[in-house]
Amino acid sequence: MDIISQLQEQVNTVASLAFNTFGTLQRDAPPVQLSPNYPEPPANPPVDDSVNLAEQPKLFSAELVKAAKQFDALVAALPLAEGGEEAQLQRIAELQAENDDIGQELQKQLEAAEKELRQVQELYGQAVDNCLNLKKPD
């Protein structure tokens, strides 16, 4: 897998871990009374003792930090731009000109293919007419 794909995959991993970490923290947080005007919130339902809720945030945050460090390592492995910003802008302009040339060539090929398709459709229509009318071809 190339470095950009690895970075995208790592971003997805970090996002998933962050989502699960925050969700777990919200799920396991004790209820808090927002105002003395509101009634006392109900207590959290009893939880299976086999799951240590105190350790889950630590485990999730450790995994999140590990994933972030892997992301940083991938970013550090990216090749450095050569020649500075001016060279990059020049390279972008060259690539854009090349893209425009290829786009024009593809447009010409598309037009030629459409013309050929119309000719084939016309010939096919003539052949069908000849078959239906039982005429001999000219």
N, C-alpha and C. Protein backbone atom coordinates (compact mmCIF):
# COMPACT_ATOMS: atom_id res chain seq x y z
N MET A 1 0.85 -1.17 0.00
CA MET A 1 0.00 0.00 0.00
C MET A 1 0.90 1.24 0.00
N ASP A 2 0.54 2.22 -0.80
CA ASP A 2 1.36 3.44 -0.85
C ASP A 2 1.15 4.29 0.41
N ILE A 3 1.99 5.27 0.58
CA ILE A 3 2.01 6.05 1.81
C ILE A 3 0.72 6.85 2.00
N ILE A 4 0.14 7.35 0.91
CA ILE A 4 -1.09 8.13 1.02
C ILE A 4 -2.24 7.22 1.47
N SER A 5 -2.32 6.03 0.92
CA SER A 5 -3.36 5.08 1.33
C SER A 5 -3.19 4.70 2.80
N GLN A 6 -1.94 4.52 3.21
CA GLN A 6 -1.68 4.21 4.62
C GLN A 6 -2.12 5.37 5.51
N LEU A 7 -1.86 6.60 5.07
CA LEU A 7 -2.29 7.77 5.84
C LEU A 7 -3.81 7.82 5.93
N GLN A 8 -4.48 7.57 4.83
CA GLN A 8 -5.95 7.58 4.85
C GLN A 8 -6.48 6.51 5.79
N GLU A 9 -5.88 5.33 5.73
CA GLU A 9 -6.30 4.24 6.61
C GLU A 9 -6.06 4.60 8.08
N GLN A 10 -4.93 5.24 8.35
CA GLN A 10 -4.61 5.63 9.73
C GLN A 10 -5.55 6.72 10.23
N VAL A 11 -5.94 7.65 9.36
CA VAL A 11 -6.91 8.68 9.74
C VAL A 11 -8.23 8.01 10.11
N ASN A 12 -8.64 7.02 9.31
CA ASN A 12 -9.88 6.29 9.62
C ASN A 12 -9.76 5.57 10.97
N THR A 13 -8.60 4.99 11.24
CA THR A 13 -8.39 4.30 12.51
C THR A 13 -8.47 5.27 13.67
N VAL A 14 -7.81 6.42 13.55
CA VAL A 14 -7.83 7.43 14.61
C VAL A 14 -9.27 7.91 14.84
N ALA A 15 -10.00 8.15 13.76
CA ALA A 15 -11.39 8.62 13.89
C ALA A 15 -12.25 7.56 14.59
N SER A 16 -12.07 6.30 14.21
CA SER A 16 -12.85 5.23 14.83
C SER A 16 -12.52 5.10 16.31
N LEU A 17 -11.24 5.14 16.63
CA LEU A 17 -10.84 5.05 18.04
C LEU A 17 -11.37 6.23 18.85
N ALA A 18 -11.29 7.43 18.27
CA ALA A 18 -11.80 8.62 18.97
C ALA A 18 -13.31 8.48 19.20
N PHE A 19 -14.03 8.03 18.18
CA PHE A 19 -15.47 7.85 18.30
C PHE A 19 -15.79 6.86 19.42
N ASN A 20 -15.10 5.73 19.43
CA ASN A 20 -15.35 4.71 20.47
C ASN A 20 -14.93 5.19 21.84
N THR A 21 -13.82 5.91 21.92
CA THR A 21 -13.35 6.42 23.21
C THR A 21 -14.35 7.40 23.80
N PHE A 22 -14.78 8.38 22.99
CA PHE A 22 -15.72 9.38 23.49
C PHE A 22 -17.07 8.74 23.82
N GLY A 23 -17.48 7.79 23.00
CA GLY A 23 -18.74 7.10 23.27
C GLY A 23 -18.70 6.34 24.58
N THR A 24 -17.58 5.67 24.84
CA THR A 24 -17.42 4.92 26.09
C THR A 24 -17.41 5.87 27.28
N LEU A 25 -16.70 6.99 27.15
CA LEU A 25 -16.66 7.97 28.24
C LEU A 25 -18.06 8.52 28.53
N GLN A 26 -18.81 8.80 27.48
CA GLN A 26 -20.17 9.31 27.69
C GLN A 26 -21.08 8.25 28.31
N ARG A 27 -20.94 7.01 27.82
CA ARG A 27 -21.78 5.92 28.32
C ARG A 27 -21.53 5.66 29.81
N ASP A 28 -20.26 5.68 30.21
CA ASP A 28 -19.91 5.29 31.56
C ASP A 28 -19.86 6.44 32.56
N ALA A 29 -20.02 7.68 32.08
CA ALA A 29 -19.97 8.83 32.99
C ALA A 29 -21.16 8.79 33.95
N PRO A 30 -20.91 9.15 35.18
CA PRO A 30 -22.04 9.16 36.13
C PRO A 30 -23.00 10.29 35.77
N PRO A 31 -24.27 10.12 36.07
CA PRO A 31 -25.24 11.17 35.79
C PRO A 31 -24.99 12.39 36.67
N VAL A 32 -25.25 13.57 36.13
CA VAL A 32 -25.02 14.82 36.85
C VAL A 32 -26.29 15.65 36.78
N GLN A 33 -26.66 16.24 37.91
CA GLN A 33 -27.84 17.11 37.95
C GLN A 33 -27.45 18.45 37.35
N LEU A 34 -28.19 18.87 36.32
CA LEU A 34 -27.86 20.11 35.62
C LEU A 34 -28.24 21.35 36.41
N SER A 35 -29.31 21.25 37.17
CA SER A 35 -29.79 22.41 37.91
C SER A 35 -30.55 21.91 39.14
N PRO A 36 -30.54 22.68 40.20
CA PRO A 36 -31.32 22.25 41.36
C PRO A 36 -32.83 22.25 41.06
N ASN A 37 -33.23 22.89 39.98
CA ASN A 37 -34.65 22.93 39.60
C ASN A 37 -35.10 21.62 38.97
N TYR A 38 -34.16 20.81 38.54
CA TYR A 38 -34.51 19.54 37.91
C TYR A 38 -34.38 18.42 38.92
N PRO A 39 -35.12 17.36 38.73
CA PRO A 39 -35.01 16.23 39.67
C PRO A 39 -33.65 15.53 39.52
N GLU A 40 -33.30 14.80 40.53
CA GLU A 40 -32.04 14.04 40.54
C GLU A 40 -32.09 13.01 39.39
N PRO A 41 -31.02 12.93 38.56
CA PRO A 41 -31.03 11.96 37.45
C PRO A 41 -30.97 10.53 37.98
N PRO A 42 -31.54 9.60 37.22
CA PRO A 42 -31.48 8.20 37.67
C PRO A 42 -30.04 7.70 37.62
N ALA A 43 -29.73 6.75 38.47
CA ALA A 43 -28.39 6.18 38.52
C ALA A 43 -28.17 5.29 37.29
N ASN A 44 -26.91 5.12 36.94
CA ASN A 44 -26.58 4.21 35.84
C ASN A 44 -27.01 2.80 36.21
N PRO A 45 -27.48 2.02 35.23
CA PRO A 45 -27.86 0.64 35.54
C PRO A 45 -26.64 -0.16 35.99
N PRO A 46 -26.86 -1.21 36.78
CA PRO A 46 -25.72 -2.02 37.21
C PRO A 46 -25.01 -2.64 36.01
N VAL A 47 -23.69 -2.77 36.15
CA VAL A 47 -22.85 -3.24 35.06
C VAL A 47 -22.23 -4.57 35.44
N ASP A 48 -22.00 -5.40 34.46
CA ASP A 48 -21.33 -6.68 34.67
C ASP A 48 -19.96 -6.44 35.31
N ASP A 49 -19.69 -7.13 36.39
CA ASP A 49 -18.43 -6.92 37.11
C ASP A 49 -17.21 -7.43 36.36
N SER A 50 -17.41 -8.28 35.35
CA SER A 50 -16.26 -8.83 34.63
C SER A 50 -15.57 -7.76 33.79
N VAL A 51 -16.28 -6.66 33.49
CA VAL A 51 -15.71 -5.57 32.71
C VAL A 51 -15.27 -4.48 33.68
N ASN A 52 -14.01 -4.16 33.66
CA ASN A 52 -13.48 -3.13 34.54
C ASN A 52 -13.63 -1.78 33.85
N LEU A 53 -14.66 -1.03 34.25
CA LEU A 53 -14.96 0.24 33.59
C LEU A 53 -13.89 1.29 33.85
N ALA A 54 -13.20 1.19 34.96
CA ALA A 54 -12.16 2.17 35.27
C ALA A 54 -10.98 2.03 34.33
N GLU A 55 -10.74 0.83 33.82
CA GLU A 55 -9.59 0.60 32.94
C GLU A 55 -9.89 0.91 31.48
N GLN A 56 -11.17 0.88 31.08
CA GLN A 56 -11.51 1.09 29.67
C GLN A 56 -11.04 2.44 29.13
N PRO A 57 -11.27 3.55 29.81
CA PRO A 57 -10.79 4.83 29.26
C PRO A 57 -9.28 4.86 29.08
N LYS A 58 -8.56 4.24 30.01
CA LYS A 58 -7.10 4.20 29.90
C LYS A 58 -6.68 3.39 28.69
N LEU A 59 -7.33 2.25 28.47
CA LEU A 59 -7.00 1.40 27.32
C LEU A 59 -7.32 2.11 26.01
N PHE A 60 -8.51 2.72 25.95
CA PHE A 60 -8.90 3.43 24.73
C PHE A 60 -7.97 4.60 24.45
N SER A 61 -7.63 5.37 25.48
CA SER A 61 -6.76 6.51 25.25
C SER A 61 -5.36 6.07 24.86
N ALA A 62 -4.88 4.95 25.40
CA ALA A 62 -3.57 4.43 25.00
C ALA A 62 -3.58 4.02 23.53
N GLU A 63 -4.67 3.38 23.10
CA GLU A 63 -4.79 2.99 21.69
C GLU A 63 -4.87 4.22 20.80
N LEU A 64 -5.57 5.24 21.25
CA LEU A 64 -5.69 6.48 20.48
C LEU A 64 -4.34 7.17 20.34
N VAL A 65 -3.59 7.21 21.41
CA VAL A 65 -2.25 7.82 21.36
C VAL A 65 -1.34 7.01 20.44
N LYS A 66 -1.41 5.69 20.52
CA LYS A 66 -0.60 4.82 19.66
C LYS A 66 -0.93 5.06 18.18
N ALA A 67 -2.22 5.17 17.86
CA ALA A 67 -2.63 5.41 16.48
C ALA A 67 -2.17 6.78 16.00
N ALA A 68 -2.23 7.77 16.88
CA ALA A 68 -1.77 9.12 16.51
C ALA A 68 -0.27 9.12 16.26
N LYS A 69 0.49 8.37 17.05
CA LYS A 69 1.93 8.29 16.84
C LYS A 69 2.26 7.58 15.53
N GLN A 70 1.47 6.55 15.20
CA GLN A 70 1.67 5.87 13.91
C GLN A 70 1.39 6.84 12.77
N PHE A 71 0.37 7.66 12.93
CA PHE A 71 0.05 8.66 11.90
C PHE A 71 1.22 9.63 11.75
N ASP A 72 1.75 10.10 12.89
CA ASP A 72 2.89 11.02 12.84
C ASP A 72 4.09 10.38 12.15
N ALA A 73 4.32 9.10 12.40
CA ALA A 73 5.43 8.39 11.75
C ALA A 73 5.21 8.31 10.24
N LEU A 74 3.98 8.07 9.82
CA LEU A 74 3.68 8.03 8.39
C LEU A 74 3.88 9.40 7.75
N VAL A 75 3.47 10.45 8.43
CA VAL A 75 3.66 11.80 7.92
C VAL A 75 5.15 12.10 7.79
N ALA A 76 5.93 11.68 8.77
CA ALA A 76 7.38 11.91 8.72
C ALA A 76 8.02 11.14 7.57
N ALA A 77 7.40 10.02 7.15
CA ALA A 77 7.95 9.22 6.07
C ALA A 77 7.62 9.77 4.69
N LEU A 78 6.76 10.79 4.63
CA LEU A 78 6.43 11.38 3.34
C LEU A 78 7.68 12.02 2.73
N PRO A 79 7.83 11.91 1.42
CA PRO A 79 9.00 12.53 0.79
C PRO A 79 8.90 14.06 0.88
N LEU A 80 10.03 14.68 1.08
CA LEU A 80 10.06 16.14 1.17
C LEU A 80 9.95 16.74 -0.22
N ALA A 81 9.30 17.88 -0.30
CA ALA A 81 9.18 18.58 -1.57
C ALA A 81 10.55 19.15 -1.94
N GLU A 82 10.91 18.96 -3.19
CA GLU A 82 12.21 19.45 -3.65
C GLU A 82 12.06 20.81 -4.29
N GLY A 83 12.95 21.73 -3.98
CA GLY A 83 13.00 23.01 -4.65
C GLY A 83 12.11 24.10 -4.09
N GLY A 84 11.37 23.84 -3.07
CA GLY A 84 10.56 24.87 -2.47
C GLY A 84 9.24 25.10 -3.18
N GLU A 85 8.58 26.16 -2.75
CA GLU A 85 7.23 26.44 -3.25
C GLU A 85 7.22 26.82 -4.73
N GLU A 86 8.22 27.59 -5.16
CA GLU A 86 8.29 28.02 -6.57
C GLU A 86 8.40 26.81 -7.50
N ALA A 87 9.23 25.85 -7.14
CA ALA A 87 9.38 24.65 -7.96
C ALA A 87 8.10 23.82 -7.97
N GLN A 88 7.43 23.78 -6.83
CA GLN A 88 6.16 23.05 -6.76
C GLN A 88 5.11 23.70 -7.66
N LEU A 89 5.03 25.03 -7.62
CA LEU A 89 4.07 25.72 -8.47
C LEU A 89 4.38 25.52 -9.95
N GLN A 90 5.66 25.51 -10.29
CA GLN A 90 6.05 25.27 -11.68
C GLN A 90 5.68 23.85 -12.09
N ARG A 91 5.91 22.90 -11.21
CA ARG A 91 5.57 21.50 -11.51
C ARG A 91 4.06 21.33 -11.66
N ILE A 92 3.31 22.01 -10.82
CA ILE A 92 1.85 21.96 -10.93
C ILE A 92 1.41 22.54 -12.27
N ALA A 93 2.01 23.65 -12.69
CA ALA A 93 1.66 24.25 -13.98
C ALA A 93 1.99 23.30 -15.13
N GLU A 94 3.16 22.63 -15.05
CA GLU A 94 3.53 21.66 -16.09
C GLU A 94 2.54 20.50 -16.14
N LEU A 95 2.19 19.99 -14.98
CA LEU A 95 1.24 18.88 -14.93
C LEU A 95 -0.14 19.30 -15.44
N GLN A 96 -0.53 20.53 -15.13
CA GLN A 96 -1.82 21.01 -15.59
C GLN A 96 -1.82 21.17 -17.11
N ALA A 97 -0.71 21.67 -17.68
CA ALA A 97 -0.61 21.79 -19.14
C ALA A 97 -0.65 20.41 -19.79
N GLU A 98 0.06 19.46 -19.20
CA GLU A 98 0.04 18.08 -19.71
C GLU A 98 -1.36 17.50 -19.63
N ASN A 99 -2.05 17.77 -18.52
CA ASN A 99 -3.41 17.29 -18.35
C ASN A 99 -4.34 17.90 -19.41
N ASP A 100 -4.17 19.20 -19.69
CA ASP A 100 -4.98 19.85 -20.72
C ASP A 100 -4.74 19.24 -22.09
N ASP A 101 -3.45 18.98 -22.43
CA ASP A 101 -3.13 18.36 -23.72
C ASP A 101 -3.76 16.99 -23.85
N ILE A 102 -3.65 16.20 -22.81
CA ILE A 102 -4.23 14.85 -22.83
C ILE A 102 -5.75 14.95 -22.90
N GLY A 103 -6.33 15.92 -22.21
CA GLY A 103 -7.77 16.12 -22.25
C GLY A 103 -8.25 16.46 -23.65
N GLN A 104 -7.49 17.32 -24.36
CA GLN A 104 -7.85 17.67 -25.74
C GLN A 104 -7.75 16.45 -26.65
N GLU A 105 -6.70 15.64 -26.46
CA GLU A 105 -6.54 14.43 -27.26
C GLU A 105 -7.69 13.46 -26.99
N LEU A 106 -8.06 13.31 -25.74
CA LEU A 106 -9.19 12.43 -25.41
C LEU A 106 -10.49 12.96 -26.00
N GLN A 107 -10.66 14.27 -26.00
CA GLN A 107 -11.86 14.86 -26.59
C GLN A 107 -11.92 14.56 -28.09
N LYS A 108 -10.79 14.66 -28.77
CA LYS A 108 -10.73 14.34 -30.21
C LYS A 108 -11.07 12.87 -30.44
N GLN A 109 -10.52 12.01 -29.60
CA GLN A 109 -10.81 10.58 -29.73
C GLN A 109 -12.28 10.29 -29.46
N LEU A 110 -12.86 10.99 -28.50
CA LEU A 110 -14.28 10.81 -28.19
C LEU A 110 -15.13 11.24 -29.38
N GLU A 111 -14.81 12.38 -29.97
CA GLU A 111 -15.56 12.86 -31.13
C GLU A 111 -15.45 11.88 -32.29
N ALA A 112 -14.25 11.35 -32.52
CA ALA A 112 -14.06 10.37 -33.60
C ALA A 112 -14.86 9.10 -33.31
N ALA A 113 -14.87 8.66 -32.06
CA ALA A 113 -15.61 7.46 -31.70
C ALA A 113 -17.12 7.69 -31.85
N GLU A 114 -17.60 8.88 -31.48
CA GLU A 114 -19.02 9.18 -31.65
C GLU A 114 -19.40 9.22 -33.12
N LYS A 115 -18.52 9.77 -33.96
CA LYS A 115 -18.77 9.80 -35.40
C LYS A 115 -18.83 8.38 -35.95
N GLU A 116 -17.90 7.55 -35.54
CA GLU A 116 -17.89 6.16 -35.99
C GLU A 116 -19.13 5.41 -35.49
N LEU A 117 -19.55 5.69 -34.27
CA LEU A 117 -20.75 5.07 -33.73
C LEU A 117 -21.97 5.45 -34.56
N ARG A 118 -22.08 6.73 -34.92
CA ARG A 118 -23.21 7.16 -35.75
C ARG A 118 -23.20 6.45 -37.10
N GLN A 119 -22.00 6.27 -37.69
CA GLN A 119 -21.89 5.57 -38.97
C GLN A 119 -22.32 4.11 -38.82
N VAL A 120 -21.87 3.47 -37.77
CA VAL A 120 -22.23 2.07 -37.54
C VAL A 120 -23.73 1.95 -37.31
N GLN A 121 -24.30 2.89 -36.55
CA GLN A 121 -25.74 2.85 -36.30
C GLN A 121 -26.52 3.05 -37.60
N GLU A 122 -26.04 3.94 -38.44
CA GLU A 122 -26.70 4.17 -39.73
C GLU A 122 -26.62 2.92 -40.60
N LEU A 123 -25.45 2.30 -40.66
CA LEU A 123 -25.29 1.08 -41.45
C LEU A 123 -26.14 -0.05 -40.86
N TYR A 124 -26.21 -0.14 -39.58
CA TYR A 124 -27.03 -1.16 -38.93
C TYR A 124 -28.51 -0.94 -39.27
N GLY A 125 -28.92 0.33 -39.22
CA GLY A 125 -30.30 0.65 -39.58
C GLY A 125 -30.61 0.28 -41.01
N GLN A 126 -29.66 0.55 -41.91
CA GLN A 126 -29.86 0.17 -43.32
C GLN A 126 -29.94 -1.34 -43.45
N ALA A 127 -29.09 -2.05 -42.74
CA ALA A 127 -29.10 -3.51 -42.82
C ALA A 127 -30.42 -4.07 -42.29
N VAL A 128 -30.93 -3.50 -41.21
CA VAL A 128 -32.20 -3.94 -40.66
C VAL A 128 -33.32 -3.66 -41.65
N ASP A 129 -33.31 -2.46 -42.25
CA ASP A 129 -34.33 -2.12 -43.24
C ASP A 129 -34.28 -3.09 -44.42
N ASN A 130 -33.08 -3.40 -44.88
CA ASN A 130 -32.94 -4.33 -46.00
C ASN A 130 -33.46 -5.71 -45.63
N CYS A 131 -33.18 -6.16 -44.43
CA CYS A 131 -33.65 -7.47 -43.99
C CYS A 131 -35.18 -7.47 -43.85
N LEU A 132 -35.73 -6.41 -43.31
CA LEU A 132 -37.18 -6.35 -43.13
C LEU A 132 -37.91 -6.23 -44.47
N ASN A 133 -37.31 -5.49 -45.38
CA ASN A 133 -37.92 -5.29 -46.68
C ASN A 133 -37.50 -6.35 -47.68
N LEU A 134 -36.66 -7.24 -47.22
CA LEU A 134 -36.13 -8.33 -48.07
C LEU A 134 -35.54 -7.80 -49.37
N LYS A 135 -34.83 -6.67 -49.24
CA LYS A 135 -34.15 -6.10 -50.39
C LYS A 135 -32.74 -6.61 -50.42
N LYS A 136 -32.20 -6.61 -51.61
CA LYS A 136 -30.78 -6.91 -51.74
C LYS A 136 -30.00 -5.61 -51.49
N PRO A 137 -28.87 -5.74 -50.85
CA PRO A 137 -28.08 -4.51 -50.59
C PRO A 137 -27.65 -3.87 -51.88
N ASP A 138 -27.53 -2.56 -51.85
CA ASP A 138 -27.11 -1.80 -53.06
C ASP A 138 -25.71 -2.12 -53.46
